[in-house]
């Protein structure tokens, strides 16, 4: 009826022989069919008269055990799972609400002040002035790599209509130049707005008087003429299309950047020729550059004396249209909402006047017209695209895989040592504390890695995964206090649940509403 167990399992010397123990527990058994446990700390007088040490000793009385509470670790994981499901459901319901309910981020993959940035801010101002959308349109500049850094950011964004991309046909040229592994098929086209014709220009003191003389020199002495371009962007492909019209001709391209940088290279003598939009050319012309040809279907009203490339015998057109994109999978109704706002903005008087000053037509393409325009530009670019370079391996994925394999190997080794009974190097209390601290840090590290991977690959949304992460980290840090009964597990669990949820929601609001930063 009476069983004595100690903190050590498998101890065979556990029978209680003291008579006063039997009498004491027989009395308990007559009045209760429950499990009872005590130790020397709980009953010091009984422990003093007992022939057996009562420290870390539990006595189980009765044939029917009352249900015991779950271990605090199990309750902790249960709360984390419930929190993940609960917040995920709430987040899903919010996702299904009317659109838009918060600011929309427009990623411009070039530096502030450039042509694309200026165009985007003109449209942004019209949308806000005329309240064409119930929420703000916030421009975020993400320059670098010819626009591919910003486009990749939008490509991996959540397809909910709150992250958009403004990028000209550089989205088409990037894959052909090797700057990106994707093109227009990785996005949902919203609209095509404006049309800026390109101009081929040289310095005022250049020996080339027209496009024919330039191309003749490029054919007679290939790679002798330095063409300043943004590699993989329309300025680069303008040169490629020109040299494709004369067999054997070739420019030597130099990576420079945007229009202002190309002008600086031209003016400083680091390049011989480049291409600019009409607006850029009109701006830079007083500083000492001269146009050779207009890469459009017809002459421009602001440059009536400038002949087109077609008129000079080279059937080349390069017109830069600003395309608006959404991540693949964005709901069609949200795409149409943005397209309607863009169409309305392009029809406002202030936008038309500003675009006229920028030498940009107020063209708007949607639906079938937009698809046809993209296909035509894709074919034209593919005809002159350079041969694909050597594809480099994905070093980031290799590094991530190495970290994961190392963590798994370390875990397997630790479990193996524990099961094999290999003694620890230190057995004193200080060594035990260090071991517990090491396990605590390892657990935090593993959970943090999992948290980062979850956000990186967008497996779960920011709010629920951050709440669970905070709950688990808090549980690990408070674990020793709970085990030593310095704080109660129930109170700690409730407090951490509240803090975790509040922290994740507040952080999400801060980043998305105040700082307007993309979150998974």
Protein backbone atom coordinates (compact mmCIF):
# COMPACT_ATOMS: atom_id res chain seq x y z
CA UNK A 1 0.00 0.00 0.00
CA UNK A 2 2.87 2.29 0.80
CA UNK A 3 5.64 2.96 -1.70
CA UNK A 4 8.63 5.13 -1.18
CA UNK A 5 10.52 6.61 -4.13
CA UNK A 6 13.52 8.87 -4.20
CA UNK A 7 14.95 11.27 -6.74
CA UNK A 8 17.09 8.40 -8.07
CA UNK A 9 15.34 5.90 -10.28
CA UNK A 10 15.81 2.21 -9.93
CA UNK A 11 16.71 2.30 -6.17
CA UNK A 12 15.72 -1.10 -4.74
CA UNK A 13 16.04 -0.08 -1.08
CA UNK A 14 12.82 1.85 -0.93
CA UNK A 15 10.63 -0.14 1.50
CA UNK A 16 9.57 1.72 4.63
CA UNK A 17 9.82 -0.33 7.80
CA UNK A 18 9.14 2.22 10.52
CA UNK A 19 5.91 1.50 12.45
CA UNK A 20 5.04 5.11 13.01
CA UNK A 21 5.28 5.65 9.23
CA UNK A 22 2.77 2.83 8.67
CA UNK A 23 0.38 4.14 11.27
CA UNK A 24 0.65 7.66 9.89
CA UNK A 25 -0.01 6.65 6.31
CA UNK A 26 -2.70 4.10 7.21
CA UNK A 27 -4.60 6.95 8.79
CA UNK A 28 -4.18 8.98 5.63
CA UNK A 29 -5.34 6.07 3.48
CA UNK A 30 -8.50 5.64 5.50
CA UNK A 31 -9.48 9.26 4.93
CA UNK A 32 -8.27 9.88 1.39
CA UNK A 33 -7.77 7.97 -1.85
CA UNK A 34 -5.26 10.48 -3.17
CA UNK A 35 -1.61 10.69 -3.85
CA UNK A 36 0.39 12.36 -1.12
CA UNK A 37 3.97 13.47 -1.23
CA UNK A 38 6.15 15.02 1.39
CA UNK A 39 9.78 15.53 2.18
CA UNK A 40 11.99 16.27 5.14
CA UNK A 41 11.51 19.99 4.61
CA UNK A 42 7.74 19.61 4.94
CA UNK A 43 7.76 17.44 8.08
CA UNK A 44 10.95 18.12 10.07
CA UNK A 45 9.73 16.38 13.23
CA UNK A 46 8.77 13.23 11.38
CA UNK A 47 12.03 13.31 9.51
CA UNK A 48 14.00 13.56 12.73
CA UNK A 49 12.55 10.28 14.07
CA UNK A 50 12.70 8.43 10.77
CA UNK A 51 15.47 5.92 10.16
CA UNK A 52 15.36 6.77 6.50
CA UNK A 53 16.31 10.14 5.00
CA UNK A 54 13.25 11.97 3.74
CA UNK A 55 15.03 14.48 1.57
CA UNK A 56 13.86 14.23 -2.05
CA UNK A 57 11.49 11.45 -1.00
CA UNK A 58 7.90 11.05 -2.16
CA UNK A 59 5.29 8.71 -0.62
CA UNK A 60 2.39 7.59 -2.75
CA UNK A 61 -0.64 6.39 -0.83
CA UNK A 62 -3.84 4.84 -2.09
CA UNK A 63 -4.81 2.86 -5.13
CA UNK A 64 -6.42 5.79 -6.97
CA UNK A 65 -4.15 8.68 -7.99
CA UNK A 66 -5.57 12.17 -8.29
CA UNK A 67 -4.72 13.93 -11.58
CA UNK A 68 -1.51 15.94 -11.41
CA UNK A 69 -0.90 19.21 -13.24
CA UNK A 70 1.02 19.09 -16.50
CA UNK A 71 4.74 19.91 -16.43
CA UNK A 72 5.34 23.62 -16.98
CA UNK A 73 7.37 22.97 -20.15
CA UNK A 74 4.45 21.08 -21.72
CA UNK A 75 2.08 23.87 -20.76
CA UNK A 76 4.51 26.36 -22.27
CA UNK A 77 4.60 24.61 -25.65
CA UNK A 78 0.83 24.24 -25.58
CA UNK A 79 0.40 27.96 -24.99
CA UNK A 80 2.82 28.74 -27.80
CA UNK A 81 0.91 26.52 -30.23
CA UNK A 82 -2.43 27.97 -29.19
CA UNK A 83 -1.05 31.49 -29.54
CA UNK A 84 0.26 30.75 -33.02
CA UNK A 85 -3.12 29.41 -34.14
CA UNK A 86 -5.08 32.22 -32.49
CA UNK A 87 -3.01 35.11 -33.81
CA UNK A 88 -2.77 33.43 -37.20
CA UNK A 89 -6.55 33.25 -37.45
CA UNK A 90 -6.91 36.89 -36.42
CA UNK A 91 -4.26 37.89 -38.95
CA UNK A 92 -6.05 35.91 -41.65
CA UNK A 93 -9.32 37.69 -40.88
CA UNK A 94 -7.62 41.07 -41.10
CA UNK A 95 -6.08 40.02 -44.40
CA UNK A 96 -9.55 39.46 -45.85
CA UNK A 97 -10.77 42.97 -44.98
CA UNK A 98 -11.32 45.78 -47.46
CA UNK A 99 -8.34 47.09 -49.41
CA UNK A 100 -6.42 49.20 -48.69
CA UNK A 101 -6.57 49.55 -44.91
CA UNK A 102 -3.00 50.74 -44.38
CA UNK A 103 -0.30 52.61 -46.35
CA UNK A 104 0.86 51.05 -49.62
CA UNK A 105 4.62 50.84 -50.12
CA UNK A 106 5.92 51.71 -53.58
CA UNK A 107 9.48 50.47 -54.07
CA UNK A 108 11.51 52.60 -56.48
CA UNK A 109 14.72 50.62 -57.14
CA UNK A 110 16.80 53.73 -57.78
CA UNK A 111 18.16 56.58 -55.69
CA UNK A 112 16.00 59.54 -54.76
CA UNK A 113 16.05 62.37 -57.27
CA UNK A 114 16.40 60.20 -60.37
CA UNK A 115 13.96 59.97 -63.25
CA UNK A 116 12.00 57.01 -61.87
CA UNK A 117 11.84 58.52 -58.39
CA UNK A 118 10.63 61.86 -59.74
CA UNK A 119 7.98 60.19 -61.87
CA UNK A 120 6.75 58.14 -58.92
CA UNK A 121 6.47 61.20 -56.69
CA UNK A 122 4.47 63.06 -59.32
CA UNK A 123 1.92 60.23 -59.35
CA UNK A 124 2.06 59.92 -55.56
CA UNK A 125 1.26 63.60 -55.11
CA UNK A 126 -1.73 63.40 -57.47
CA UNK A 127 -3.13 60.32 -55.70
CA UNK A 128 -2.90 62.00 -52.30
CA UNK A 129 -4.15 65.39 -53.50
CA UNK A 130 -7.24 63.96 -55.19
CA UNK A 131 -7.68 61.16 -52.62
CA UNK A 132 -7.69 58.50 -55.31
CA UNK A 133 -6.82 55.91 -52.64
CA UNK A 134 -8.09 55.86 -49.04
CA UNK A 135 -4.55 55.27 -47.76
CA UNK A 136 -1.15 56.81 -48.41
CA UNK A 137 1.20 55.70 -51.17
CA UNK A 138 4.67 55.71 -49.58
CA UNK A 139 7.76 55.66 -51.80
CA UNK A 140 10.72 53.60 -50.59
CA UNK A 141 13.99 53.95 -52.51
CA UNK A 142 15.95 50.70 -52.72
CA UNK A 143 18.81 51.43 -55.16
CA UNK A 144 21.48 49.07 -56.39
CA UNK A 145 22.40 46.53 -59.07
CA UNK A 146 20.51 48.27 -61.85
CA UNK A 147 17.21 48.00 -60.02
CA UNK A 148 17.40 44.28 -59.21
CA UNK A 149 17.80 44.73 -55.44
CA UNK A 150 14.53 46.59 -55.19
CA UNK A 151 12.72 44.33 -57.64
CA UNK A 152 13.86 41.24 -55.75
CA UNK A 153 12.51 42.73 -52.55
CA UNK A 154 9.07 43.16 -54.11
CA UNK A 155 9.26 39.74 -55.75
CA UNK A 156 9.56 38.12 -52.32
CA UNK A 157 7.02 40.41 -50.65
CA UNK A 158 3.64 39.15 -49.51
CA UNK A 159 1.16 39.28 -52.43
CA UNK A 160 -1.40 41.36 -50.59
CA UNK A 161 -1.26 44.56 -52.62
CA UNK A 162 0.63 46.54 -49.97
CA UNK A 163 4.05 46.33 -51.64
CA UNK A 164 4.36 47.51 -55.24
CA UNK A 165 7.23 48.13 -57.67
CA UNK A 166 7.82 50.99 -60.09
CA UNK A 167 10.35 49.85 -62.69
CA UNK A 168 10.73 50.53 -66.40
CA UNK A 169 11.78 47.90 -68.93
CA UNK A 170 14.86 47.31 -66.81
CA UNK A 171 12.79 44.49 -65.39
CA UNK A 172 12.98 42.90 -68.86
CA UNK A 173 16.64 43.62 -69.55
CA UNK A 174 17.96 42.42 -66.18
CA UNK A 175 17.52 38.71 -66.91
CA UNK A 176 19.04 38.95 -70.40
CA UNK A 177 22.09 40.73 -69.02
CA UNK A 178 22.52 38.23 -66.18
CA UNK A 179 21.70 40.75 -63.44
CA UNK A 180 18.66 38.73 -62.34
CA UNK A 181 17.27 35.23 -62.83
CA UNK A 182 13.69 36.46 -63.28
CA UNK A 183 11.77 38.88 -65.45
CA UNK A 184 8.21 40.13 -65.90
CA UNK A 185 6.76 36.65 -65.35
CA UNK A 186 7.65 36.91 -61.65
CA UNK A 187 5.22 39.81 -61.17
CA UNK A 188 1.68 40.89 -61.93
CA UNK A 189 1.70 43.90 -64.31
CA UNK A 190 -0.60 46.66 -63.10
CA UNK A 191 -0.15 49.43 -65.66
CA UNK A 192 2.30 51.12 -67.98
CA UNK A 193 2.48 54.89 -67.59
CA UNK A 194 4.34 57.56 -69.51
CA UNK A 195 6.78 57.13 -72.36
CA UNK A 196 10.22 58.75 -72.39
CA UNK A 197 12.18 58.53 -75.64
CA UNK A 198 15.95 58.01 -75.43
CA UNK A 199 18.59 60.25 -76.99
CA UNK A 200 22.12 59.23 -78.06
CA UNK A 201 24.54 62.00 -77.07
CA UNK A 202 28.25 62.85 -77.08
CA UNK A 203 30.37 65.74 -75.80
CA UNK A 204 30.32 69.01 -77.71
CA UNK A 205 33.92 68.49 -78.82
CA UNK A 206 33.30 64.94 -80.07
CA UNK A 207 34.46 64.16 -83.64
CA UNK A 208 31.17 62.42 -84.40
CA UNK A 209 28.69 64.71 -86.11
CA UNK A 210 25.83 62.24 -86.47
CA UNK A 211 24.85 58.64 -85.77
CA UNK A 212 26.30 57.38 -89.07
CA UNK A 213 29.81 58.60 -88.27
CA UNK A 214 29.62 57.09 -84.80
CA UNK A 215 28.54 53.68 -86.05
CA UNK A 216 31.08 53.74 -88.86
CA UNK A 217 33.87 54.17 -86.31
CA UNK A 218 32.39 51.41 -84.13
CA UNK A 219 32.54 49.06 -87.13
CA UNK A 220 36.05 50.04 -88.27
CA UNK A 221 37.54 49.92 -84.76
CA UNK A 222 35.42 47.63 -82.57
CA UNK A 223 35.55 48.26 -78.82
CA UNK A 224 37.37 51.55 -79.30
CA UNK A 225 34.38 53.73 -78.40
CA UNK A 226 33.47 53.76 -74.71
CA UNK A 227 29.71 53.65 -74.13
CA UNK A 228 28.69 54.80 -70.64
CA UNK A 229 25.73 52.72 -69.48
CA UNK A 230 23.94 51.18 -66.57
CA UNK A 231 24.66 47.54 -67.39
CA UNK A 232 21.47 45.54 -67.76
CA UNK A 233 19.32 48.68 -67.94
CA UNK A 234 17.72 50.36 -71.01
CA UNK A 235 20.76 52.61 -71.56
CA UNK A 236 22.86 49.48 -72.05
CA UNK A 237 20.41 47.88 -74.45
CA UNK A 238 20.15 51.08 -76.47
CA UNK A 239 23.80 50.62 -77.38
CA UNK A 240 23.32 46.91 -78.04
CA UNK A 241 20.45 47.61 -80.44
CA UNK A 242 22.53 50.18 -82.32
CA UNK A 243 25.56 47.92 -82.77
CA UNK A 244 23.34 45.05 -83.89
CA UNK A 245 22.45 47.02 -87.04
CA UNK A 246 26.01 46.94 -88.41
CA UNK A 247 27.79 43.56 -88.45
CA UNK A 248 31.13 43.74 -86.70
CA UNK A 249 30.46 46.97 -84.83
CA UNK A 250 30.91 46.96 -81.09
CA UNK A 251 31.05 49.42 -78.21
CA UNK A 252 33.11 49.01 -75.06
CA UNK A 253 30.62 49.38 -72.24
CA UNK A 254 31.47 50.82 -68.87
CA UNK A 255 29.24 50.47 -65.83
CA UNK A 256 28.39 53.98 -64.68
CA UNK A 257 24.89 54.17 -63.25
CA UNK A 258 22.03 56.62 -63.61
CA UNK A 259 21.69 59.57 -65.95
CA UNK A 260 23.60 62.02 -63.75
CA UNK A 261 26.54 59.64 -63.41
CA UNK A 262 26.56 58.89 -67.13
CA UNK A 263 26.65 62.60 -67.85
CA UNK A 264 29.56 63.06 -65.42
CA UNK A 265 31.49 60.25 -67.15
CA UNK A 266 30.82 61.83 -70.53
CA UNK A 267 31.77 65.32 -69.41
CA UNK A 268 34.91 64.11 -67.63
CA UNK A 269 36.22 62.29 -70.69
CA UNK A 270 35.79 58.80 -69.21
CA UNK A 271 33.27 57.85 -71.91
CA UNK A 272 32.64 58.82 -75.54
CA UNK A 273 28.90 58.30 -75.88
CA UNK A 274 25.83 57.49 -73.82
CA UNK A 275 22.04 57.59 -73.93
CA UNK A 276 19.70 59.81 -71.94
CA UNK A 277 16.01 60.51 -71.69
CA UNK A 278 14.85 63.68 -73.42
CA UNK A 279 14.35 65.36 -70.05
CA UNK A 280 17.89 64.45 -68.96
CA UNK A 281 19.32 65.63 -72.24
CA UNK A 282 17.52 68.98 -72.04
CA UNK A 283 18.86 69.37 -68.50
CA UNK A 284 22.46 68.45 -69.35
CA UNK A 285 22.72 70.10 -72.78
CA UNK A 286 23.83 73.54 -71.52
CA UNK A 287 26.76 71.84 -69.75
CA UNK A 288 28.35 70.67 -72.99
CA UNK A 289 26.73 67.63 -74.63
CA UNK A 290 25.26 67.21 -78.08
CA UNK A 291 22.60 64.79 -79.38
CA UNK A 292 23.26 62.54 -82.39
CA UNK A 293 19.90 60.79 -82.76
CA UNK A 294 16.49 60.34 -81.24
CA UNK A 295 15.54 56.70 -80.57
CA UNK A 296 11.84 57.15 -81.21
CA UNK A 297 9.33 56.50 -84.01
CA UNK A 298 9.17 60.20 -84.92
CA UNK A 299 10.76 63.53 -84.07
CA UNK A 300 9.93 65.16 -80.77
CA UNK A 301 8.22 68.55 -80.59
CA UNK A 302 10.84 69.87 -78.16
CA UNK A 303 13.72 68.74 -80.40
CA UNK A 304 12.39 69.32 -83.92
CA UNK A 305 15.85 69.49 -85.51
CA UNK A 306 17.04 66.17 -84.08
CA UNK A 307 16.66 63.33 -86.60
CA UNK A 308 15.56 59.89 -85.46
CA UNK A 309 17.80 56.85 -85.76
CA UNK A 310 15.39 55.44 -88.34
CA UNK A 311 15.82 58.54 -90.48
CA UNK A 312 19.59 58.02 -90.38
CA UNK A 313 19.31 54.42 -91.54
CA UNK A 314 19.18 52.54 -88.21
CA UNK A 315 15.82 51.06 -87.28
CA UNK A 316 16.21 51.38 -83.52
CA UNK A 317 13.66 52.56 -80.97
CA UNK A 318 14.21 52.87 -77.24
CA UNK A 319 11.40 54.42 -75.27
CA UNK A 320 11.36 54.07 -71.53
CA UNK A 321 7.92 53.39 -70.07
CA UNK A 322 7.35 53.26 -66.34
CA UNK A 323 5.70 49.97 -65.41
CA UNK A 324 3.89 49.28 -62.14
CA UNK A 325 4.18 45.76 -60.72
CA UNK A 326 2.77 43.69 -57.87
CA UNK A 327 4.09 40.39 -56.43
CA UNK A 328 2.87 37.29 -58.23
CA UNK A 329 -0.35 36.05 -56.64
CA UNK A 330 -1.75 39.47 -55.74
CA UNK A 331 -5.58 39.38 -55.93
CA UNK A 332 -6.92 40.71 -59.21
CA UNK A 333 -9.37 43.10 -57.54
CA UNK A 334 -6.51 44.78 -55.69
CA UNK A 335 -4.50 45.09 -58.88
CA UNK A 336 -7.49 46.76 -60.52
CA UNK A 337 -7.86 49.14 -57.59
CA UNK A 338 -4.30 50.38 -58.07
CA UNK A 339 -4.70 50.52 -61.86
CA UNK A 340 -7.84 52.65 -61.52
CA UNK A 341 -6.01 55.07 -59.23
CA UNK A 342 -3.07 55.32 -61.65
CA UNK A 343 -5.33 55.95 -64.63
CA UNK A 344 -7.16 58.68 -62.75
CA UNK A 345 -3.88 60.27 -61.61
CA UNK A 346 -2.54 60.37 -65.17
CA UNK A 347 -5.62 62.32 -66.25
CA UNK A 348 -5.20 65.11 -63.71
CA UNK A 349 -4.06 68.50 -64.98
CA UNK A 350 -1.05 68.76 -62.67
CA UNK A 351 0.32 65.38 -63.78
CA UNK A 352 -0.09 66.23 -67.46
CA UNK A 353 1.63 69.57 -67.00
CA UNK A 354 4.50 68.07 -65.02
CA UNK A 355 5.02 65.23 -67.49
CA UNK A 356 5.03 67.71 -70.36
CA UNK A 357 7.85 69.58 -68.60
CA UNK A 358 9.68 66.26 -68.17
CA UNK A 359 9.21 65.47 -71.90
CA UNK A 360 7.17 62.37 -71.05
CA UNK A 361 3.93 61.47 -72.80
CA UNK A 362 0.85 60.82 -70.64
CA UNK A 363 0.31 57.30 -72.00
CA UNK A 364 -1.56 54.73 -69.88
CA UNK A 365 -1.65 51.03 -70.78
CA UNK A 366 -3.69 48.35 -69.01
CA UNK A 367 -4.96 44.86 -69.64
CA UNK A 368 -4.43 43.44 -73.14
CA UNK A 369 -2.63 46.55 -74.40
CA UNK A 370 -0.15 46.31 -71.55
CA UNK A 371 0.50 42.61 -72.19
CA UNK A 372 1.09 43.25 -75.90
CA UNK A 373 3.51 46.09 -75.16
CA UNK A 374 5.50 43.94 -72.73
CA UNK A 375 5.72 41.08 -75.22
CA UNK A 376 6.91 43.40 -77.97
CA UNK A 377 9.60 44.89 -75.76
CA UNK A 378 10.66 41.44 -74.61
CA UNK A 379 11.17 40.28 -78.20
CA UNK A 380 13.14 43.40 -79.13
CA UNK A 381 15.43 43.01 -76.13
CA UNK A 382 15.91 39.26 -76.61
CA UNK A 383 17.16 39.82 -80.17
CA UNK A 384 20.19 41.80 -78.99
CA UNK A 385 20.73 40.28 -75.55
CA UNK A 386 24.32 39.20 -74.86
CA UNK A 387 25.04 35.54 -74.31
CA UNK A 388 24.33 34.33 -70.81
CA UNK A 389 27.27 34.29 -68.44
CA UNK A 390 28.31 31.56 -66.07
CA UNK A 391 25.63 31.00 -63.45
CA UNK A 392 27.11 31.14 -59.97
CA UNK A 393 25.89 28.81 -57.23
CA UNK A 394 23.62 30.08 -54.50
CA UNK A 395 26.25 30.64 -51.81
CA UNK A 396 23.69 31.97 -49.34
CA UNK A 397 21.73 28.72 -49.43
CA UNK A 398 24.93 26.70 -49.07
CA UNK A 399 25.90 28.73 -45.99
CA UNK A 400 22.43 28.32 -44.48
CA UNK A 401 22.52 24.58 -45.13
CA UNK A 402 25.93 24.34 -43.48
CA UNK A 403 24.69 26.09 -40.35
CA UNK A 404 21.65 23.82 -40.12
CA UNK A 405 23.72 20.65 -40.61
CA UNK A 406 26.21 21.79 -37.97
CA UNK A 407 23.41 22.42 -35.48
CA UNK A 408 21.84 19.02 -36.21
CA UNK A 409 25.20 17.25 -35.84
CA UNK A 410 25.86 18.97 -32.51
CA UNK A 411 22.41 18.00 -31.24
CA UNK A 412 22.86 14.36 -32.28
CA UNK A 413 26.26 14.24 -30.58
CA UNK A 414 24.87 15.70 -27.36
CA UNK A 415 21.98 13.21 -27.30
CA UNK A 416 24.37 10.35 -28.00
CA UNK A 417 26.67 11.31 -25.15
CA UNK A 418 23.74 11.56 -22.77
CA UNK A 419 22.36 8.14 -23.70
CA UNK A 420 25.75 6.48 -23.57
CA UNK A 421 26.29 7.73 -20.03
CA UNK A 422 29.50 9.60 -20.77
CA UNK A 423 30.34 11.51 -17.57
CA UNK A 424 30.49 15.25 -17.69
CA UNK A 425 33.78 16.99 -17.20
CA UNK A 426 32.51 18.85 -14.17
CA UNK A 427 30.22 17.39 -11.53
CA UNK A 428 30.25 20.16 -8.95
CA UNK A 429 27.52 22.72 -8.65
CA UNK A 430 29.47 25.35 -10.55
CA UNK A 431 29.98 22.97 -13.45
CA UNK A 432 26.30 22.10 -13.42
CA UNK A 433 25.38 25.77 -13.57
CA UNK A 434 27.68 26.27 -16.53
CA UNK A 435 26.16 23.28 -18.28
CA UNK A 436 22.63 24.59 -17.70
CA UNK A 437 23.67 28.01 -18.95
CA UNK A 438 25.18 26.47 -22.07
CA UNK A 439 22.01 24.51 -22.79
CA UNK A 440 19.99 27.67 -22.29
CA UNK A 441 22.11 29.61 -24.78
CA UNK A 442 21.96 26.73 -27.27
CA UNK A 443 18.18 26.61 -27.05
CA UNK A 444 17.91 30.38 -27.55
CA UNK A 445 20.26 30.15 -30.53
CA UNK A 446 18.30 27.34 -32.18
CA UNK A 447 14.98 29.13 -31.66
CA UNK A 448 16.44 32.37 -33.02
CA UNK A 449 17.75 30.61 -36.13
CA UNK A 450 14.34 29.06 -36.66
CA UNK A 451 12.71 32.46 -36.20
CA UNK A 452 15.00 34.08 -38.78
CA UNK A 453 14.47 31.25 -41.28
CA UNK A 454 10.71 31.47 -40.81
CA UNK A 455 10.76 35.21 -41.54
CA UNK A 456 13.22 34.86 -44.42
CA UNK A 457 11.11 32.30 -46.27
CA UNK A 458 7.82 33.84 -45.07
CA UNK A 459 6.52 30.54 -43.72
CA UNK A 460 4.42 32.34 -41.10
CA UNK A 461 3.45 35.98 -40.82
CA UNK A 462 5.36 38.41 -38.64
CA UNK A 463 2.85 38.86 -35.81
CA UNK A 464 2.23 35.21 -34.85
CA UNK A 465 5.81 34.02 -35.30
CA UNK A 466 7.18 36.98 -33.31
CA UNK A 467 4.69 36.37 -30.50
CA UNK A 468 5.65 32.70 -30.30
CA UNK A 469 9.35 33.57 -30.46
CA UNK A 470 9.02 36.02 -27.56
CA UNK A 471 7.02 33.47 -25.55
CA UNK A 472 9.58 30.71 -26.03
CA UNK A 473 12.58 32.94 -25.27
CA UNK A 474 10.82 34.27 -22.18
CA UNK A 475 10.04 30.73 -21.08
CA UNK A 476 13.68 29.70 -21.40
CA UNK A 477 14.90 32.71 -19.44
CA UNK A 478 12.30 32.28 -16.69
CA UNK A 479 12.65 28.49 -16.55
CA UNK A 480 15.18 28.39 -13.68
CA UNK A 481 13.02 30.76 -11.62
CA UNK A 482 9.96 28.60 -12.21
CA UNK A 483 11.79 25.40 -11.32
CA UNK A 484 13.10 26.93 -8.10
CA UNK A 485 9.55 28.11 -7.31
CA UNK A 486 10.68 31.70 -6.98
CA UNK A 487 7.84 32.61 -9.34
CA UNK A 488 4.67 30.70 -10.12
CA UNK A 489 4.39 29.01 -13.50
CA UNK A 490 0.76 30.05 -14.02
CA UNK A 491 1.41 33.73 -13.39
CA UNK A 492 4.56 33.70 -15.51
CA UNK A 493 2.71 32.03 -18.38
CA UNK A 494 -0.12 34.54 -18.36
CA UNK A 495 2.26 37.49 -18.12
CA UNK A 496 4.43 36.23 -20.97
CA UNK A 497 1.39 35.54 -23.16
CA UNK A 498 0.20 39.11 -22.72
CA UNK A 499 3.64 40.63 -23.23
CA UNK A 500 4.39 38.47 -26.29
CA UNK A 501 1.16 39.35 -28.07
CA UNK A 502 1.40 43.04 -27.24
CA UNK A 503 5.04 43.23 -28.27
CA UNK A 504 4.45 41.56 -31.65
CA UNK A 505 1.41 43.71 -32.44
CA UNK A 506 3.12 46.95 -31.37
CA UNK A 507 6.26 46.11 -33.36
CA UNK A 508 4.18 45.30 -36.44
CA UNK A 509 2.32 48.60 -36.13
CA UNK A 510 5.54 50.54 -35.57
CA UNK A 511 7.31 49.09 -38.60
CA UNK A 512 4.38 49.06 -41.03
CA UNK A 513 2.43 52.18 -40.04
CA UNK A 514 5.06 54.56 -38.63
CA UNK A 515 8.35 53.55 -40.26
CA UNK A 516 6.61 51.99 -43.31
CA UNK A 517 9.06 49.10 -43.47
CA UNK A 518 8.30 45.81 -45.19
CA UNK A 519 7.66 42.89 -42.88
CA UNK A 520 6.94 39.25 -43.79
